[in-house]
């Protein structure tokens, strides 16, 4: 099963974030808690972690992209865990 990694709601006023850096690449294996991507808003920098064990199959927003809250960042194909 695929798990979508999306931009989380990060506060009342935050409508978009910038992808400041990917910590994984397509094809990488990840475990629960593996840091995936760093995003930043005007007020906070946040590292999003994997919620499943699997393989990164897609990264849809490159470093430097401005992305609306709720938008797809990546897909992890679950291998269990």
PDB file of N, CA and C in Angstrom:
ATOM      1  N   UNK A   1       0.834  -1.171   0.000  1.00  0.00           N
ATOM      2  CA  UNK A   1       0.000   0.000   0.000  1.00  0.00           C
ATOM      3  C   UNK A   1       0.889   1.248   0.000  1.00  0.00           C
ATOM      4  N   UNK A   2       0.490   2.247  -0.753  1.00  0.00           N
ATOM      5  CA  UNK A   2       1.258   3.490  -0.828  1.00  0.00           C
ATOM      6  C   UNK A   2       0.823   4.470   0.249  1.00  0.00           C
ATOM      7  N   UNK A   3       1.792   5.147   0.833  1.00  0.00           N
ATOM      8  CA  UNK A   3       1.513   6.208   1.792  1.00  0.00           C
ATOM      9  C   UNK A   3       1.940   7.524   1.184  1.00  0.00           C
ATOM     10  N   UNK A   4       1.034   8.477   1.156  1.00  0.00           N
ATOM     11  CA  UNK A   4       1.338   9.801   0.622  1.00  0.00           C
ATOM     12  C   UNK A   4       1.912  10.682   1.728  1.00  0.00           C
ATOM     13  N   UNK A   5       2.999  11.351   1.411  1.00  0.00           N
ATOM     14  CA  UNK A   5       3.593  12.320   2.320  1.00  0.00           C
ATOM     15  C   UNK A   5       3.124  13.691   1.835  1.00  0.00           C
ATOM     16  N   UNK A   6       2.337  14.370   2.653  1.00  0.00           N
ATOM     17  CA  UNK A   6       1.750  15.660   2.276  1.00  0.00           C
ATOM     18  C   UNK A   6       2.209  16.750   3.239  1.00  0.00           C
ATOM     19  N   UNK A   7       2.130  17.989   2.774  1.00  0.00           N
ATOM     20  CA  UNK A   7       2.485  19.133   3.617  1.00  0.00           C
ATOM     21  C   UNK A   7       1.447  19.234   4.735  1.00  0.00           C
ATOM     22  N   UNK A   8       1.884  19.147   5.993  1.00  0.00           N
ATOM     23  CA  UNK A   8       0.934  19.236   7.105  1.00  0.00           C
ATOM     24  C   UNK A   8       0.527  20.676   7.398  1.00  0.00           C
ATOM     25  N   UNK A   9      -0.599  20.819   8.055  1.00  0.00           N
ATOM     26  CA  UNK A   9      -1.022  22.129   8.571  1.00  0.00           C
ATOM     27  C   UNK A   9      -0.052  22.493   9.685  1.00  0.00           C
ATOM     28  N   UNK A  10       0.540  23.672   9.606  1.00  0.00           N
ATOM     29  CA  UNK A  10       1.587  24.053  10.552  1.00  0.00           C
ATOM     30  C   UNK A  10       1.228  25.287  11.359  1.00  0.00           C
ATOM     31  N   UNK A  11      -0.032  25.618  11.440  1.00  0.00           N
ATOM     32  CA  UNK A  11      -0.459  26.784  12.204  1.00  0.00           C
ATOM     33  C   UNK A  11      -1.621  27.459  11.511  1.00  0.00           C
ATOM     34  N   UNK A  12      -2.273  28.335  12.224  1.00  0.00           N
ATOM     35  CA  UNK A  12      -3.473  28.992  11.713  1.00  0.00           C
ATOM     36  C   UNK A  12      -3.212  29.802  10.439  1.00  0.00           C
ATOM     37  N   UNK A  13      -2.076  30.481  10.369  1.00  0.00           N
ATOM     38  CA  UNK A  13      -1.817  31.398   9.266  1.00  0.00           C
ATOM     39  C   UNK A  13      -0.985  30.798   8.140  1.00  0.00           C
ATOM     40  N   UNK A  14      -0.452  29.616   8.315  1.00  0.00           N
ATOM     41  CA  UNK A  14       0.426  29.022   7.311  1.00  0.00           C
ATOM     42  C   UNK A  14      -0.388  28.424   6.178  1.00  0.00           C
ATOM     43  N   UNK A  15      -0.145  28.892   4.961  1.00  0.00           N
ATOM     44  CA  UNK A  15      -0.851  28.371   3.786  1.00  0.00           C
ATOM     45  C   UNK A  15       0.085  27.654   2.835  1.00  0.00           C
ATOM     46  N   UNK A  16       1.399  27.881   2.993  1.00  0.00           N
ATOM     47  CA  UNK A  16       2.380  27.226   2.133  1.00  0.00           C
ATOM     48  C   UNK A  16       3.710  27.123   2.863  1.00  0.00           C
ATOM     49  N   UNK A  17       4.550  26.215   2.377  1.00  0.00           N
ATOM     50  CA  UNK A  17       5.888  26.018   2.928  1.00  0.00           C
ATOM     51  C   UNK A  17       6.877  25.932   1.769  1.00  0.00           C
ATOM     52  N   UNK A  18       8.147  26.050   2.107  1.00  0.00           N
ATOM     53  CA  UNK A  18       9.200  25.836   1.117  1.00  0.00           C
ATOM     54  C   UNK A  18       9.916  24.533   1.449  1.00  0.00           C
ATOM     55  N   UNK A  19      10.169  23.723   0.422  1.00  0.00           N
ATOM     56  CA  UNK A  19      10.954  22.501   0.594  1.00  0.00           C
ATOM     57  C   UNK A  19      12.411  22.938   0.690  1.00  0.00           C
ATOM     58  N   UNK A  20      12.976  22.839   1.886  1.00  0.00           N
ATOM     59  CA  UNK A  20      14.348  23.315   2.068  1.00  0.00           C
ATOM     60  C   UNK A  20      15.380  22.223   1.859  1.00  0.00           C
ATOM     61  N   UNK A  21      14.959  20.965   1.852  1.00  0.00           N
ATOM     62  CA  UNK A  21      15.917  19.896   1.571  1.00  0.00           C
ATOM     63  C   UNK A  21      15.339  18.509   1.729  1.00  0.00           C
ATOM     64  N   UNK A  22      15.674  17.650   0.778  1.00  0.00           N
ATOM     65  CA  UNK A  22      15.295  16.236   0.877  1.00  0.00           C
ATOM     66  C   UNK A  22      16.400  15.476   1.581  1.00  0.00           C
ATOM     67  N   UNK A  23      16.013  14.577   2.473  1.00  0.00           N
ATOM     68  CA  UNK A  23      16.968  13.776   3.242  1.00  0.00           C
ATOM     69  C   UNK A  23      17.018  12.339   2.730  1.00  0.00           C
ATOM     70  N   UNK A  24      16.192  12.040   1.711  1.00  0.00           N
ATOM     71  CA  UNK A  24      16.138  10.727   1.061  1.00  0.00           C
ATOM     72  C   UNK A  24      16.057  10.940  -0.448  1.00  0.00           C
ATOM     73  N   UNK A  25      16.249   9.854  -1.186  1.00  0.00           N
ATOM     74  CA  UNK A  25      16.133   9.868  -2.643  1.00  0.00           C
ATOM     75  C   UNK A  25      15.161   8.782  -3.080  1.00  0.00           C
ATOM     76  N   UNK A  26      14.642   8.896  -4.301  1.00  0.00           N
ATOM     77  CA  UNK A  26      13.797   7.841  -4.862  1.00  0.00           C
ATOM     78  C   UNK A  26      14.605   6.540  -4.852  1.00  0.00           C
ATOM     79  N   UNK A  27      13.962   5.469  -4.391  1.00  0.00           N
ATOM     80  CA  UNK A  27      14.612   4.168  -4.298  1.00  0.00           C
ATOM     81  C   UNK A  27      15.158   3.847  -2.923  1.00  0.00           C
ATOM     82  N   UNK A  28      15.263   4.841  -2.054  1.00  0.00           N
ATOM     83  CA  UNK A  28      15.772   4.610  -0.694  1.00  0.00           C
ATOM     84  C   UNK A  28      14.772   3.823   0.132  1.00  0.00           C
ATOM     85  N   UNK A  29      15.285   2.947   0.990  1.00  0.00           N
ATOM     86  CA  UNK A  29      14.470   2.248   1.980  1.00  0.00           C
ATOM     87  C   UNK A  29      14.360   3.125   3.215  1.00  0.00           C
ATOM     88  N   UNK A  30      13.166   3.163   3.801  1.00  0.00           N
ATOM     89  CA  UNK A  30      12.955   3.945   5.023  1.00  0.00           C
ATOM     90  C   UNK A  30      12.244   3.099   6.063  1.00  0.00           C
ATOM     91  N   UNK A  31      12.407   3.470   7.301  1.00  0.00           N
ATOM     92  CA  UNK A  31      11.709   2.836   8.420  1.00  0.00           C
ATOM     93  C   UNK A  31      10.822   3.886   9.070  1.00  0.00           C
ATOM     94  N   UNK A  32       9.949   3.470   9.958  1.00  0.00           N
ATOM     95  CA  UNK A  32       9.131   4.408  10.711  1.00  0.00           C
ATOM     96  C   UNK A  32      10.062   5.352  11.457  1.00  0.00           C
ATOM     97  N   UNK A  33       9.834   6.646  11.306  1.00  0.00           N
ATOM     98  CA  UNK A  33      10.645   7.649  11.983  1.00  0.00           C
ATOM     99  C   UNK A  33      11.827   8.158  11.174  1.00  0.00           C
ATOM    100  N   UNK A  34      12.065   7.578  10.000  1.00  0.00           N
ATOM    101  CA  UNK A  34      13.166   8.070   9.158  1.00  0.00           C
ATOM    102  C   UNK A  34      12.858   9.492   8.691  1.00  0.00           C
ATOM    103  N   UNK A  35      13.770  10.444   8.907  1.00  0.00           N
ATOM    104  CA  UNK A  35      13.558  11.802   8.397  1.00  0.00           C
ATOM    105  C   UNK A  35      13.539  11.793   6.869  1.00  0.00           C
ATOM    106  N   UNK A  36      12.517  12.432   6.269  1.00  0.00           N
ATOM    107  CA  UNK A  36      12.356  12.422   4.819  1.00  0.00           C
ATOM    108  C   UNK A  36      12.690  13.755   4.175  1.00  0.00           C
ATOM    109  N   UNK A  37      12.079  14.816   4.701  1.00  0.00           N
ATOM    110  CA  UNK A  37      12.197  16.121   4.055  1.00  0.00           C
ATOM    111  C   UNK A  37      12.090  17.224   5.105  1.00  0.00           C
ATOM    112  N   UNK A  38      12.797  18.302   4.853  1.00  0.00           N
ATOM    113  CA  UNK A  38      12.726  19.473   5.725  1.00  0.00           C
ATOM    114  C   UNK A  38      11.939  20.553   4.991  1.00  0.00           C
ATOM    115  N   UNK A  39      10.917  21.079   5.653  1.00  0.00           N
ATOM    116  CA  UNK A  39      10.111  22.159   5.091  1.00  0.00           C
ATOM    117  C   UNK A  39      10.130  23.330   6.055  1.00  0.00           C
ATOM    118  N   UNK A  40       9.973  24.536   5.505  1.00  0.00           N
ATOM    119  CA  UNK A  40       9.959  25.700   6.385  1.00  0.00           C
ATOM    120  C   UNK A  40       8.890  26.693   5.964  1.00  0.00           C
ATOM    121  N   UNK A  41       8.318  27.303   6.990  1.00  0.00           N
ATOM    122  CA  UNK A  41       7.358  28.390   6.795  1.00  0.00           C
ATOM    123  C   UNK A  41       8.015  29.647   7.341  1.00  0.00           C
ATOM    124  N   UNK A  42       7.258  30.721   7.396  1.00  0.00           N
ATOM    125  CA  UNK A  42       7.799  31.967   7.949  1.00  0.00           C
ATOM    126  C   UNK A  42       8.170  31.820   9.421  1.00  0.00           C
ATOM    127  N   UNK A  43       7.501  30.902  10.114  1.00  0.00           N
ATOM    128  CA  UNK A  43       7.676  30.805  11.563  1.00  0.00           C
ATOM    129  C   UNK A  43       8.395  29.561  12.058  1.00  0.00           C
ATOM    130  N   UNK A  44       8.434  28.497  11.258  1.00  0.00           N
ATOM    131  CA  UNK A  44       8.961  27.233  11.771  1.00  0.00           C
ATOM    132  C   UNK A  44       9.615  26.418  10.666  1.00  0.00           C
ATOM    133  N   UNK A  45      10.627  25.639  11.070  1.00  0.00           N
ATOM    134  CA  UNK A  45      11.231  24.632  10.198  1.00  0.00           C
ATOM    135  C   UNK A  45      10.869  23.279  10.790  1.00  0.00           C
ATOM    136  N   UNK A  46      10.428  22.371   9.929  1.00  0.00           N
ATOM    137  CA  UNK A  46       9.933  21.072  10.379  1.00  0.00           C
ATOM    138  C   UNK A  46      10.519  19.971   9.519  1.00  0.00           C
ATOM    139  N   UNK A  47      10.942  18.869  10.161  1.00  0.00           N
ATOM    140  CA  UNK A  47      11.390  17.684   9.438  1.00  0.00           C
ATOM    141  C   UNK A  47      10.244  16.676   9.471  1.00  0.00           C
ATOM    142  N   UNK A  48       9.774  16.279   8.277  1.00  0.00           N
ATOM    143  CA  UNK A  48       8.718  15.275   8.191  1.00  0.00           C
ATOM    144  C   UNK A  48       9.350  13.895   8.179  1.00  0.00           C
ATOM    145  N   UNK A  49       8.778  12.983   8.964  1.00  0.00           N
ATOM    146  CA  UNK A  49       9.304  11.630   9.103  1.00  0.00           C
ATOM    147  C   UNK A  49       8.362  10.624   8.471  1.00  0.00           C
ATOM    148  N   UNK A  50       8.927   9.478   8.093  1.00  0.00           N
ATOM    149  CA  UNK A  50       8.120   8.402   7.531  1.00  0.00           C
ATOM    150  C   UNK A  50       7.234   7.802   8.612  1.00  0.00           C
ATOM    151  N   UNK A  51       5.999   7.517   8.232  1.00  0.00           N
ATOM    152  CA  UNK A  51       5.064   6.870   9.154  1.00  0.00           C
ATOM    153  C   UNK A  51       4.938   5.381   8.871  1.00  0.00           C
ATOM    154  N   UNK A  52       5.721   4.886   7.898  1.00  0.00           N
ATOM    155  CA  UNK A  52       5.674   3.472   7.539  1.00  0.00           C
ATOM    156  C   UNK A  52       7.052   3.010   7.089  1.00  0.00           C
ATOM    157  N   UNK A  53       7.244   1.713   7.062  1.00  0.00           N
ATOM    158  CA  UNK A  53       8.451   1.118   6.509  1.00  0.00           C
ATOM    159  C   UNK A  53       8.211   0.894   5.028  1.00  0.00           C
ATOM    160  N   UNK A  54       9.182   1.258   4.193  1.00  0.00           N
ATOM    161  CA  UNK A  54       8.978   1.061   2.771  1.00  0.00           C
ATOM    162  C   UNK A  54      10.079   1.648   1.913  1.00  0.00           C
ATOM    163  N   UNK A  55       9.713   1.898   0.646  1.00  0.00           N
ATOM    164  CA  UNK A  55      10.635   2.416  -0.366  1.00  0.00           C
ATOM    165  C   UNK A  55      10.079   3.743  -0.888  1.00  0.00           C
ATOM    166  N   UNK A  56      10.947   4.747  -1.020  1.00  0.00           N
ATOM    167  CA  UNK A  56      10.531   6.012  -1.628  1.00  0.00           C
ATOM    168  C   UNK A  56      10.357   5.764  -3.128  1.00  0.00           C
ATOM    169  N   UNK A  57       9.134   5.886  -3.627  1.00  0.00           N
ATOM    170  CA  UNK A  57       8.873   5.625  -5.044  1.00  0.00           C
ATOM    171  C   UNK A  57       8.692   6.896  -5.856  1.00  0.00           C
ATOM    172  N   UNK A  58       8.445   8.020  -5.189  1.00  0.00           N
ATOM    173  CA  UNK A  58       8.212   9.266  -5.911  1.00  0.00           C
ATOM    174  C   UNK A  58       8.495  10.455  -5.010  1.00  0.00           C
ATOM    175  N   UNK A  59       9.175  11.448  -5.567  1.00  0.00           N
ATOM    176  CA  UNK A  59       9.341  12.753  -4.932  1.00  0.00           C
ATOM    177  C   UNK A  59       8.789  13.761  -5.926  1.00  0.00           C
ATOM    178  N   UNK A  60       7.719  14.448  -5.532  1.00  0.00           N
ATOM    179  CA  UNK A  60       7.013  15.300  -6.498  1.00  0.00           C
ATOM    180  C   UNK A  60       7.376  16.783  -6.429  1.00  0.00           C
ATOM    181  N   UNK A  61       8.033  17.208  -5.379  1.00  0.00           N
ATOM    182  CA  UNK A  61       8.399  18.623  -5.238  1.00  0.00           C
ATOM    183  C   UNK A  61       9.894  18.734  -4.952  1.00  0.00           C
ATOM    184  N   UNK A  62      10.656  19.362  -5.846  1.00  0.00           N
ATOM    185  CA  UNK A  62      12.098  19.483  -5.625  1.00  0.00           C
ATOM    186  C   UNK A  62      12.453  20.514  -4.555  1.00  0.00           C
ATOM    187  N   UNK A  63      13.675  20.433  -4.093  1.00  0.00           N
ATOM    188  CA  UNK A  63      14.207  21.420  -3.146  1.00  0.00           C
ATOM    189  C   UNK A  63      14.005  22.818  -3.724  1.00  0.00           C
ATOM    190  N   UNK A  64      13.572  23.740  -2.868  1.00  0.00           N
ATOM    191  CA  UNK A  64      13.348  25.116  -3.280  1.00  0.00           C
ATOM    192  C   UNK A  64      11.926  25.412  -3.711  1.00  0.00           C
ATOM    193  N   UNK A  65      11.107  24.360  -3.854  1.00  0.00           N
ATOM    194  CA  UNK A  65       9.710  24.548  -4.266  1.00  0.00           C
ATOM    195  C   UNK A  65       8.885  25.160  -3.148  1.00  0.00           C
ATOM    196  N   UNK A  66       7.953  26.033  -3.525  1.00  0.00           N
ATOM    197  CA  UNK A  66       6.956  26.541  -2.598  1.00  0.00           C
ATOM    198  C   UNK A  66       5.709  25.697  -2.811  1.00  0.00           C
ATOM    199  N   UNK A  67       5.211  25.107  -1.722  1.00  0.00           N
ATOM    200  CA  UNK A  67       4.149  24.102  -1.813  1.00  0.00           C
ATOM    201  C   UNK A  67       3.002  24.458  -0.862  1.00  0.00           C
ATOM    202  N   UNK A  68       1.752  24.441  -1.356  1.00  0.00           N
ATOM    203  CA  UNK A  68       0.611  24.712  -0.479  1.00  0.00           C
ATOM    204  C   UNK A  68       0.403  23.599   0.560  1.00  0.00           C
ATOM    205  N   UNK A  69      -0.136  23.971   1.705  1.00  0.00           N
ATOM    206  CA  UNK A  69      -0.506  22.992   2.738  1.00  0.00           C
ATOM    207  C   UNK A  69      -1.447  21.967   2.102  1.00  0.00           C
ATOM    208  N   UNK A  70      -1.191  20.694   2.374  1.00  0.00           N
ATOM    209  CA  UNK A  70      -2.012  19.610   1.851  1.00  0.00           C
ATOM    210  C   UNK A  70      -1.506  19.005   0.559  1.00  0.00           C
ATOM    211  N   UNK A  71      -0.551  19.664  -0.112  1.00  0.00           N
ATOM    212  CA  UNK A  71      -0.028  19.160  -1.384  1.00  0.00           C
ATOM    213  C   UNK A  71       0.856  17.933  -1.176  1.00  0.00           C
ATOM    214  N   UNK A  72       0.918  17.101  -2.189  1.00  0.00           N
ATOM    215  CA  UNK A  72       1.720  15.872  -2.165  1.00  0.00           C
ATOM    216  C   UNK A  72       3.189  16.210  -2.314  1.00  0.00           C
ATOM    217  N   UNK A  73       4.019  15.634  -1.439  1.00  0.00           N
ATOM    218  CA  UNK A  73       5.464  15.801  -1.504  1.00  0.00           C
ATOM    219  C   UNK A  73       6.149  14.540  -2.033  1.00  0.00           C
ATOM    220  N   UNK A  74       5.689  13.376  -1.573  1.00  0.00           N
ATOM    221  CA  UNK A  74       6.345  12.128  -1.935  1.00  0.00           C
ATOM    222  C   UNK A  74       5.400  10.952  -1.672  1.00  0.00           C
ATOM    223  N   UNK A  75       5.812   9.796  -2.199  1.00  0.00           N
ATOM    224  CA  UNK A  75       5.076   8.560  -1.949  1.00  0.00           C
ATOM    225  C   UNK A  75       6.041   7.499  -1.435  1.00  0.00           C
ATOM    226  N   UNK A  76       5.618   6.820  -0.376  1.00  0.00           N
ATOM    227  CA  UNK A  76       6.362   5.692   0.179  1.00  0.00           C
ATOM    228  C   UNK A  76       5.542   4.434  -0.072  1.00  0.00           C
ATOM    229  N   UNK A  77       6.122   3.470  -0.776  1.00  0.00           N
ATOM    230  CA  UNK A  77       5.448   2.189  -0.980  1.00  0.00           C
ATOM    231  C   UNK A  77       5.743   1.319   0.235  1.00  0.00           C
ATOM    232  N   UNK A  78       4.717   1.027   0.994  1.00  0.00           N
ATOM    233  CA  UNK A  78       4.859   0.297   2.247  1.00  0.00           C
ATOM    234  C   UNK A  78       5.285  -1.143   2.007  1.00  0.00           C
ATOM    235  N   UNK A  79       6.235  -1.599   2.844  1.00  0.00           N
ATOM    236  CA  UNK A  79       6.678  -2.984   2.786  1.00  0.00           C
ATOM    237  C   UNK A  79       6.369  -3.692   4.107  1.00  0.00           C
ATOM    238  N   UNK A  80       5.474  -3.109   4.874  1.00  0.00           N
ATOM    239  CA  UNK A  80       5.119  -3.682   6.179  1.00  0.00           C
ATOM    240  C   UNK A  80       5.432  -2.691   7.267  1.00  0.00           C
ATOM    241  N   UNK A  81       5.598  -3.181   8.479  1.00  0.00           N
ATOM    242  CA  UNK A  81       5.996  -2.332   9.593  1.00  0.00           C
ATOM    243  C   UNK A  81       5.038  -1.339   9.905  1.00  0.00           C
TER     244      UNK A  81
END
